[in-house]
């Protein structure tokens, strides 16, 4: 757990472009592990697309549910006890 906190702390200190690249690489690694290193199955891809469309529709209907980046990162810091 301490390593995770340290890594998160360091990652949050990176410039936004580096955080974005790191997030993309981490997300891609989840796809690789979940699919055994192969492409995402059509069923899983369809499920993710349904979730994305639902969330987009919810945001379009009620933009007040959206959070700006600063708020999201503040909540993450609070949740992980980072300053």
Foldseek 3Di string as FASTA:
>chain_A
DVVVLVVVLVLVPDPPVSVVVVVVVVVVVVQCVVVVHDHDDPVVVVVVVVVVVVVVVVCVVPVVVDDDPVVVVVVVCVVSVHD
